[in-house]
Structure formats: C-alpha cells, structure tokens
Amino acid sequence: MYLEIITPVKKVFEGDVTLVQLPGSKGSFTLLKNHAPIISTLDKGTIRVVDTLGKEHFFNVSGGVVENLENKIIVLVESA
C-alpha cells in the first residue's frame, strides 16, 4: 500500500506501508492491503504506520480526513 500524510504546510510521510491505524471519528480502525474503498473523518489522536521494513512510525494529529482507494491511502490532517 502507498501512504501519504499531508498537512496544509507540508507532506509529513510518503511511502510504502503494510499497516495504518487511524483515530476515526467513530472509533479507531486499521487499513491493510486490499481494504475496501473508504472515506472517513478523523479525530484527535495518533496515527500508527508500519512500513515495509517493519518499522513503526507515530503521528499525533488534531483531526482530518482519510481516503483509501486501490491500496493508495491519502490522509489530510490539520497538524501532525
């Protein structure tokens, strides 16, 4: 899967990942390879990313939106 995390100021993360955990407005959820298409709002919380080398990355966010379509995930957040 390919992930981009973008703020109004800069692109915070860009690369191939195996797992993304997100603080959805109706509860936390995880995106894995071949997940169904989804658009969701995000609440304040932490995004956990596992890259293809198994390294974990954490991003504290103050809300935003996520779109997943055909293994491309775009996360737009207010701040990270």
PDB file of N, CA and C in Angstrom:
ATOM      1  N   MET A   1       0.847  -1.172   0.000  1.00  0.00           N
ATOM      2  CA  MET A   1       0.000   0.000   0.000  1.00  0.00           C
ATOM      3  C   MET A   1       0.892   1.235   0.000  1.00  0.00           C
ATOM      4  N   TYR A   2       0.383   2.292  -0.574  1.00  0.00           N
ATOM      5  CA  TYR A   2       1.125   3.549  -0.614  1.00  0.00           C
ATOM      6  C   TYR A   2       0.389   4.579   0.235  1.00  0.00           C
ATOM      7  N   LEU A   3       1.113   5.244   1.134  1.00  0.00           N
ATOM      8  CA  LEU A   3       0.515   6.184   2.079  1.00  0.00           C
ATOM      9  C   LEU A   3       1.132   7.564   1.932  1.00  0.00           C
ATOM     10  N   GLU A   4       0.262   8.581   1.976  1.00  0.00           N
ATOM     11  CA  GLU A   4       0.692   9.973   2.074  1.00  0.00           C
ATOM     12  C   GLU A   4      -0.059  10.610   3.237  1.00  0.00           C
ATOM     13  N   ILE A   5       0.689  11.269   4.135  1.00  0.00           N
ATOM     14  CA  ILE A   5       0.089  12.058   5.211  1.00  0.00           C
ATOM     15  C   ILE A   5       0.478  13.507   4.934  1.00  0.00           C
ATOM     16  N   ILE A   6      -0.539  14.351   4.743  1.00  0.00           N
ATOM     17  CA  ILE A   6      -0.311  15.724   4.290  1.00  0.00           C
ATOM     18  C   ILE A   6      -0.978  16.716   5.245  1.00  0.00           C
ATOM     19  N   THR A   7      -0.238  17.771   5.615  1.00  0.00           N
ATOM     20  CA  THR A   7      -0.785  18.892   6.374  1.00  0.00           C
ATOM     21  C   THR A   7      -0.869  20.090   5.425  1.00  0.00           C
ATOM     22  N   PRO A   8      -1.507  21.176   5.841  1.00  0.00           N
ATOM     23  CA  PRO A   8      -1.527  22.366   4.979  1.00  0.00           C
ATOM     24  C   PRO A   8      -0.128  22.933   4.721  1.00  0.00           C
ATOM     25  N   VAL A   9       0.838  22.596   5.578  1.00  0.00           N
ATOM     26  CA  VAL A   9       2.181  23.153   5.468  1.00  0.00           C
ATOM     27  C   VAL A   9       3.128  22.268   4.665  1.00  0.00           C
ATOM     28  N   LYS A  10       3.047  20.930   4.881  1.00  0.00           N
ATOM     29  CA  LYS A  10       3.993  20.031   4.217  1.00  0.00           C
ATOM     30  C   LYS A  10       3.485  18.591   4.193  1.00  0.00           C
ATOM     31  N   LYS A  11       4.178  17.771   3.418  1.00  0.00           N
ATOM     32  CA  LYS A  11       3.918  16.338   3.391  1.00  0.00           C
ATOM     33  C   LYS A  11       4.736  15.724   4.523  1.00  0.00           C
ATOM     34  N   VAL A  12       4.059  15.074   5.488  1.00  0.00           N
ATOM     35  CA  VAL A  12       4.708  14.549   6.683  1.00  0.00           C
ATOM     36  C   VAL A  12       5.268  13.150   6.454  1.00  0.00           C
ATOM     37  N   PHE A  13       4.568  12.336   5.653  1.00  0.00           N
ATOM     38  CA  PHE A  13       5.013  10.967   5.386  1.00  0.00           C
ATOM     39  C   PHE A  13       4.590  10.590   3.982  1.00  0.00           C
ATOM     40  N   GLU A  14       5.463   9.813   3.326  1.00  0.00           N
ATOM     41  CA  GLU A  14       5.163   9.309   1.988  1.00  0.00           C
ATOM     42  C   GLU A  14       5.945   8.021   1.805  1.00  0.00           C
ATOM     43  N   GLY A  15       5.248   6.934   1.466  1.00  0.00           N
ATOM     44  CA  GLY A  15       5.961   5.693   1.225  1.00  0.00           C
ATOM     45  C   GLY A  15       5.079   4.466   1.279  1.00  0.00           C
ATOM     46  N   ASP A  16       5.704   3.314   1.044  1.00  0.00           N
ATOM     47  CA  ASP A  16       5.001   2.032   1.071  1.00  0.00           C
ATOM     48  C   ASP A  16       4.878   1.541   2.503  1.00  0.00           C
ATOM     49  N   VAL A  17       3.699   1.028   2.845  1.00  0.00           N
ATOM     50  CA  VAL A  17       3.408   0.570   4.204  1.00  0.00           C
ATOM     51  C   VAL A  17       2.648  -0.748   4.153  1.00  0.00           C
ATOM     52  N   THR A  18       2.626  -1.434   5.302  1.00  0.00           N
ATOM     53  CA  THR A  18       1.858  -2.676   5.405  1.00  0.00           C
ATOM     54  C   THR A  18       0.625  -2.521   6.285  1.00  0.00           C
ATOM     55  N   LEU A  19       0.610  -1.476   7.154  1.00  0.00           N
ATOM     56  CA  LEU A  19      -0.497  -1.283   8.085  1.00  0.00           C
ATOM     57  C   LEU A  19      -0.602   0.183   8.456  1.00  0.00           C
ATOM     58  N   VAL A  20      -1.852   0.668   8.564  1.00  0.00           N
ATOM     59  CA  VAL A  20      -2.107   2.031   9.032  1.00  0.00           C
ATOM     60  C   VAL A  20      -3.265   1.970  10.021  1.00  0.00           C
ATOM     61  N   GLN A  21      -3.031   2.429  11.266  1.00  0.00           N
ATOM     62  CA  GLN A  21      -4.095   2.542  12.265  1.00  0.00           C
ATOM     63  C   GLN A  21      -4.445   4.007  12.413  1.00  0.00           C
ATOM     64  N   LEU A  22      -5.746   4.307  12.374  1.00  0.00           N
ATOM     65  CA  LEU A  22      -6.214   5.691  12.349  1.00  0.00           C
ATOM     66  C   LEU A  22      -7.247   5.949  13.440  1.00  0.00           C
ATOM     67  N   PRO A  23      -7.257   7.179  14.006  1.00  0.00           N
ATOM     68  CA  PRO A  23      -8.253   7.543  15.020  1.00  0.00           C
ATOM     69  C   PRO A  23      -9.531   8.070  14.365  1.00  0.00           C
ATOM     70  N   GLY A  24     -10.364   7.173  13.877  1.00  0.00           N
ATOM     71  CA  GLY A  24     -11.601   7.571  13.212  1.00  0.00           C
ATOM     72  C   GLY A  24     -12.542   8.271  14.164  1.00  0.00           C
ATOM     73  N   SER A  25     -13.423   9.118  13.625  1.00  0.00           N
ATOM     74  CA  SER A  25     -14.357   9.862  14.465  1.00  0.00           C
ATOM     75  C   SER A  25     -15.382   8.952  15.138  1.00  0.00           C
ATOM     76  N   LYS A  26     -15.547   7.731  14.635  1.00  0.00           N
ATOM     77  CA  LYS A  26     -16.451   6.767  15.273  1.00  0.00           C
ATOM     78  C   LYS A  26     -15.686   5.594  15.857  1.00  0.00           C
ATOM     79  N   GLY A  27     -14.392   5.797  16.106  1.00  0.00           N
ATOM     80  CA  GLY A  27     -13.560   4.748  16.684  1.00  0.00           C
ATOM     81  C   GLY A  27     -12.347   4.459  15.824  1.00  0.00           C
ATOM     82  N   SER A  28     -11.333   3.928  16.459  1.00  0.00           N
ATOM     83  CA  SER A  28     -10.086   3.604  15.774  1.00  0.00           C
ATOM     84  C   SER A  28     -10.310   2.468  14.778  1.00  0.00           C
ATOM     85  N   PHE A  29      -9.593   2.526  13.646  1.00  0.00           N
ATOM     86  CA  PHE A  29      -9.683   1.444  12.672  1.00  0.00           C
ATOM     87  C   PHE A  29      -8.341   1.261  11.976  1.00  0.00           C
ATOM     88  N   THR A  30      -8.177   0.096  11.346  1.00  0.00           N
ATOM     89  CA  THR A  30      -6.921  -0.273  10.699  1.00  0.00           C
ATOM     90  C   THR A  30      -7.154  -0.535   9.219  1.00  0.00           C
ATOM     91  N   LEU A  31      -6.219  -0.065   8.400  1.00  0.00           N
ATOM     92  CA  LEU A  31      -6.240  -0.349   6.968  1.00  0.00           C
ATOM     93  C   LEU A  31      -5.103  -1.313   6.646  1.00  0.00           C
ATOM     94  N   LEU A  32      -5.433  -2.392   5.961  1.00  0.00           N
ATOM     95  CA  LEU A  32      -4.468  -3.371   5.485  1.00  0.00           C
ATOM     96  C   LEU A  32      -4.587  -3.460   3.968  1.00  0.00           C
ATOM     97  N   LYS A  33      -3.674  -4.182   3.346  1.00  0.00           N
ATOM     98  CA  LYS A  33      -3.672  -4.335   1.894  1.00  0.00           C
ATOM     99  C   LYS A  33      -5.026  -4.847   1.401  1.00  0.00           C
ATOM    100  N   ASN A  34      -5.493  -4.290   0.308  1.00  0.00           N
ATOM    101  CA  ASN A  34      -6.758  -4.643  -0.347  1.00  0.00           C
ATOM    102  C   ASN A  34      -7.999  -4.324   0.488  1.00  0.00           C
ATOM    103  N   HIS A  35      -7.884  -3.358   1.393  1.00  0.00           N
ATOM    104  CA  HIS A  35      -9.043  -2.910   2.175  1.00  0.00           C
ATOM    105  C   HIS A  35     -10.076  -2.318   1.212  1.00  0.00           C
ATOM    106  N   ALA A  36     -11.328  -2.438   1.558  1.00  0.00           N
ATOM    107  CA  ALA A  36     -12.400  -1.847   0.748  1.00  0.00           C
ATOM    108  C   ALA A  36     -12.214  -0.330   0.681  1.00  0.00           C
ATOM    109  N   PRO A  37     -12.642   0.292  -0.411  1.00  0.00           N
ATOM    110  CA  PRO A  37     -12.543   1.755  -0.501  1.00  0.00           C
ATOM    111  C   PRO A  37     -13.263   2.409   0.674  1.00  0.00           C
ATOM    112  N   ILE A  38     -12.661   3.483   1.198  1.00  0.00           N
ATOM    113  CA  ILE A  38     -13.249   4.152   2.355  1.00  0.00           C
ATOM    114  C   ILE A  38     -12.855   5.618   2.351  1.00  0.00           C
ATOM    115  N   ILE A  39     -13.782   6.450   2.823  1.00  0.00           N
ATOM    116  CA  ILE A  39     -13.505   7.847   3.144  1.00  0.00           C
ATOM    117  C   ILE A  39     -14.051   8.041   4.549  1.00  0.00           C
ATOM    118  N   SER A  40     -13.228   8.611   5.444  1.00  0.00           N
ATOM    119  CA  SER A  40     -13.646   8.771   6.826  1.00  0.00           C
ATOM    120  C   SER A  40     -13.050  10.037   7.416  1.00  0.00           C
ATOM    121  N   THR A  41     -13.746  10.588   8.404  1.00  0.00           N
ATOM    122  CA  THR A  41     -13.186  11.701   9.163  1.00  0.00           C
ATOM    123  C   THR A  41     -12.362  11.148  10.321  1.00  0.00           C
ATOM    124  N   LEU A  42     -11.400  11.949  10.751  1.00  0.00           N
ATOM    125  CA  LEU A  42     -10.516  11.545  11.837  1.00  0.00           C
ATOM    126  C   LEU A  42     -10.645  12.511  13.000  1.00  0.00           C
ATOM    127  N   ASP A  43     -10.517  11.972  14.213  1.00  0.00           N
ATOM    128  CA  ASP A  43     -10.498  12.777  15.422  1.00  0.00           C
ATOM    129  C   ASP A  43      -9.062  12.992  15.869  1.00  0.00           C
ATOM    130  N   LYS A  44      -8.915  13.773  16.914  1.00  0.00           N
ATOM    131  CA  LYS A  44      -7.603  13.966  17.528  1.00  0.00           C
ATOM    132  C   LYS A  44      -7.116  12.616  18.048  1.00  0.00           C
ATOM    133  N   GLY A  45      -5.862  12.294  17.781  1.00  0.00           N
ATOM    134  CA  GLY A  45      -5.308  11.020  18.224  1.00  0.00           C
ATOM    135  C   GLY A  45      -3.987  10.736  17.535  1.00  0.00           C
ATOM    136  N   THR A  46      -3.627   9.455  17.508  1.00  0.00           N
ATOM    137  CA  THR A  46      -2.347   9.044  16.950  1.00  0.00           C
ATOM    138  C   THR A  46      -2.550   8.115  15.761  1.00  0.00           C
ATOM    139  N   ILE A  47      -1.840   8.407  14.677  1.00  0.00           N
ATOM    140  CA  ILE A  47      -1.797   7.513  13.525  1.00  0.00           C
ATOM    141  C   ILE A  47      -0.572   6.625  13.698  1.00  0.00           C
ATOM    142  N   ARG A  48      -0.772   5.319  13.616  1.00  0.00           N
ATOM    143  CA  ARG A  48       0.340   4.355  13.685  1.00  0.00           C
ATOM    144  C   ARG A  48       0.538   3.775  12.300  1.00  0.00           C
ATOM    145  N   VAL A  49       1.783   3.812  11.828  1.00  0.00           N
ATOM    146  CA  VAL A  49       2.127   3.320  10.498  1.00  0.00           C
ATOM    147  C   VAL A  49       3.226   2.280  10.644  1.00  0.00           C
ATOM    148  N   VAL A  50       3.082   1.135   9.954  1.00  0.00           N
ATOM    149  CA  VAL A  50       4.145   0.138   9.882  1.00  0.00           C
ATOM    150  C   VAL A  50       4.607   0.082   8.433  1.00  0.00           C
ATOM    151  N   ASP A  51       5.887   0.431   8.204  1.00  0.00           N
ATOM    152  CA  ASP A  51       6.384   0.432   6.834  1.00  0.00           C
ATOM    153  C   ASP A  51       6.775  -0.974   6.395  1.00  0.00           C
ATOM    154  N   THR A  52       7.215  -1.111   5.164  1.00  0.00           N
ATOM    155  CA  THR A  52       7.507  -2.433   4.599  1.00  0.00           C
ATOM    156  C   THR A  52       8.721  -3.098   5.233  1.00  0.00           C
ATOM    157  N   LEU A  53       9.529  -2.327   5.973  1.00  0.00           N
ATOM    158  CA  LEU A  53      10.670  -2.896   6.695  1.00  0.00           C
ATOM    159  C   LEU A  53      10.301  -3.294   8.120  1.00  0.00           C
ATOM    160  N   GLY A  54       9.035  -3.060   8.511  1.00  0.00           N
ATOM    161  CA  GLY A  54       8.569  -3.404   9.848  1.00  0.00           C
ATOM    162  C   GLY A  54       8.764  -2.304  10.873  1.00  0.00           C
ATOM    163  N   LYS A  55       9.270  -1.134  10.456  1.00  0.00           N
ATOM    164  CA  LYS A  55       9.488  -0.022  11.376  1.00  0.00           C
ATOM    165  C   LYS A  55       8.177   0.709  11.617  1.00  0.00           C
ATOM    166  N   GLU A  56       7.916   1.044  12.895  1.00  0.00           N
ATOM    167  CA  GLU A  56       6.710   1.775  13.255  1.00  0.00           C
ATOM    168  C   GLU A  56       6.968   3.277  13.276  1.00  0.00           C
ATOM    169  N   HIS A  57       5.988   4.027  12.796  1.00  0.00           N
ATOM    170  CA  HIS A  57       6.019   5.485  12.821  1.00  0.00           C
ATOM    171  C   HIS A  57       4.728   5.943  13.482  1.00  0.00           C
ATOM    172  N   PHE A  58       4.816   6.982  14.319  1.00  0.00           N
ATOM    173  CA  PHE A  58       3.646   7.511  15.013  1.00  0.00           C
ATOM    174  C   PHE A  58       3.506   8.993  14.726  1.00  0.00           C
ATOM    175  N   PHE A  59       2.260   9.430  14.446  1.00  0.00           N
ATOM    176  CA  PHE A  59       1.978  10.823  14.148  1.00  0.00           C
ATOM    177  C   PHE A  59       0.780  11.260  14.984  1.00  0.00           C
ATOM    178  N   ASN A  60       0.976  12.248  15.851  1.00  0.00           N
ATOM    179  CA  ASN A  60      -0.132  12.814  16.623  1.00  0.00           C
ATOM    180  C   ASN A  60      -0.834  13.830  15.739  1.00  0.00           C
ATOM    181  N   VAL A  61      -2.134  13.659  15.577  1.00  0.00           N
ATOM    182  CA  VAL A  61      -2.894  14.536  14.688  1.00  0.00           C
ATOM    183  C   VAL A  61      -4.053  15.167  15.446  1.00  0.00           C
ATOM    184  N   SER A  62      -4.530  16.287  14.911  1.00  0.00           N
ATOM    185  CA  SER A  62      -5.624  17.004  15.566  1.00  0.00           C
ATOM    186  C   SER A  62      -6.927  16.905  14.784  1.00  0.00           C
ATOM    187  N   GLY A  63      -7.031  15.903  13.934  1.00  0.00           N
ATOM    188  CA  GLY A  63      -8.240  15.705  13.139  1.00  0.00           C
ATOM    189  C   GLY A  63      -7.949  15.830  11.663  1.00  0.00           C
ATOM    190  N   GLY A  64      -8.861  15.309  10.852  1.00  0.00           N
ATOM    191  CA  GLY A  64      -8.684  15.378   9.408  1.00  0.00           C
ATOM    192  C   GLY A  64      -9.569  14.389   8.692  1.00  0.00           C
ATOM    193  N   VAL A  65      -9.141  13.973   7.491  1.00  0.00           N
ATOM    194  CA  VAL A  65      -9.884  13.003   6.696  1.00  0.00           C
ATOM    195  C   VAL A  65      -8.911  12.008   6.073  1.00  0.00           C
ATOM    196  N   VAL A  66      -9.436  10.819   5.748  1.00  0.00           N
ATOM    197  CA  VAL A  66      -8.633   9.791   5.086  1.00  0.00           C
ATOM    198  C   VAL A  66      -9.437   9.228   3.916  1.00  0.00           C
ATOM    199  N   GLU A  67      -8.723   8.917   2.844  1.00  0.00           N
ATOM    200  CA  GLU A  67      -9.322   8.232   1.701  1.00  0.00           C
ATOM    201  C   GLU A  67      -8.426   7.050   1.341  1.00  0.00           C
ATOM    202  N   ASN A  68      -9.041   5.891   1.153  1.00  0.00           N
ATOM    203  CA  ASN A  68      -8.321   4.709   0.693  1.00  0.00           C
ATOM    204  C   ASN A  68      -9.011   4.208  -0.567  1.00  0.00           C
ATOM    205  N   LEU A  69      -8.235   4.080  -1.648  1.00  0.00           N
ATOM    206  CA  LEU A  69      -8.774   3.576  -2.902  1.00  0.00           C
ATOM    207  C   LEU A  69      -7.669   2.820  -3.623  1.00  0.00           C
ATOM    208  N   GLU A  70      -7.902   1.554  -3.884  1.00  0.00           N
ATOM    209  CA  GLU A  70      -6.963   0.694  -4.613  1.00  0.00           C
ATOM    210  C   GLU A  70      -5.554   0.735  -4.024  1.00  0.00           C
ATOM    211  N   ASN A  71      -5.488   0.559  -2.697  1.00  0.00           N
ATOM    212  CA  ASN A  71      -4.227   0.493  -1.950  1.00  0.00           C
ATOM    213  C   ASN A  71      -3.423   1.788  -1.969  1.00  0.00           C
ATOM    214  N   LYS A  72      -4.075   2.908  -2.249  1.00  0.00           N
ATOM    215  CA  LYS A  72      -3.440   4.212  -2.087  1.00  0.00           C
ATOM    216  C   LYS A  72      -4.219   4.969  -1.022  1.00  0.00           C
ATOM    217  N   ILE A  73      -3.526   5.337   0.059  1.00  0.00           N
ATOM    218  CA  ILE A  73      -4.148   5.987   1.199  1.00  0.00           C
ATOM    219  C   ILE A  73      -3.650   7.423   1.262  1.00  0.00           C
ATOM    220  N   ILE A  74      -4.589   8.358   1.300  1.00  0.00           N
ATOM    221  CA  ILE A  74      -4.244   9.766   1.454  1.00  0.00           C
ATOM    222  C   ILE A  74      -4.895  10.267   2.745  1.00  0.00           C
ATOM    223  N   VAL A  75      -4.066  10.802   3.643  1.00  0.00           N
ATOM    224  CA  VAL A  75      -4.538  11.333   4.907  1.00  0.00           C
ATOM    225  C   VAL A  75      -4.270  12.837   4.911  1.00  0.00           C
ATOM    226  N   LEU A  76      -5.324  13.623   5.041  1.00  0.00           N
ATOM    227  CA  LEU A  76      -5.209  15.078   5.143  1.00  0.00           C
ATOM    228  C   LEU A  76      -5.517  15.461   6.579  1.00  0.00           C
ATOM    229  N   VAL A  77      -4.533  16.074   7.257  1.00  0.00           N
ATOM    230  CA  VAL A  77      -4.714  16.429   8.661  1.00  0.00           C
ATOM    231  C   VAL A  77      -4.422  17.914   8.875  1.00  0.00           C
ATOM    232  N   GLU A  78      -5.014  18.451   9.927  1.00  0.00           N
ATOM    233  CA  GLU A  78      -4.802  19.854  10.257  1.00  0.00           C
ATOM    234  C   GLU A  78      -3.388  20.099  10.742  1.00  0.00           C
ATOM    235  N   SER A  79      -2.867  19.174  11.560  1.00  0.00           N
ATOM    236  CA  SER A  79      -1.486  19.283  12.041  1.00  0.00           C
ATOM    237  C   SER A  79      -1.005  17.886  12.422  1.00  0.00           C
ATOM    238  N   ALA A  80       0.299  17.700  12.336  1.00  0.00           N
ATOM    239  CA  ALA A  80       0.908  16.413  12.709  1.00  0.00           C
ATOM    240  C   ALA A  80       2.301  16.650  13.248  1.00  0.00           C
TER     241      ALA A  80
END
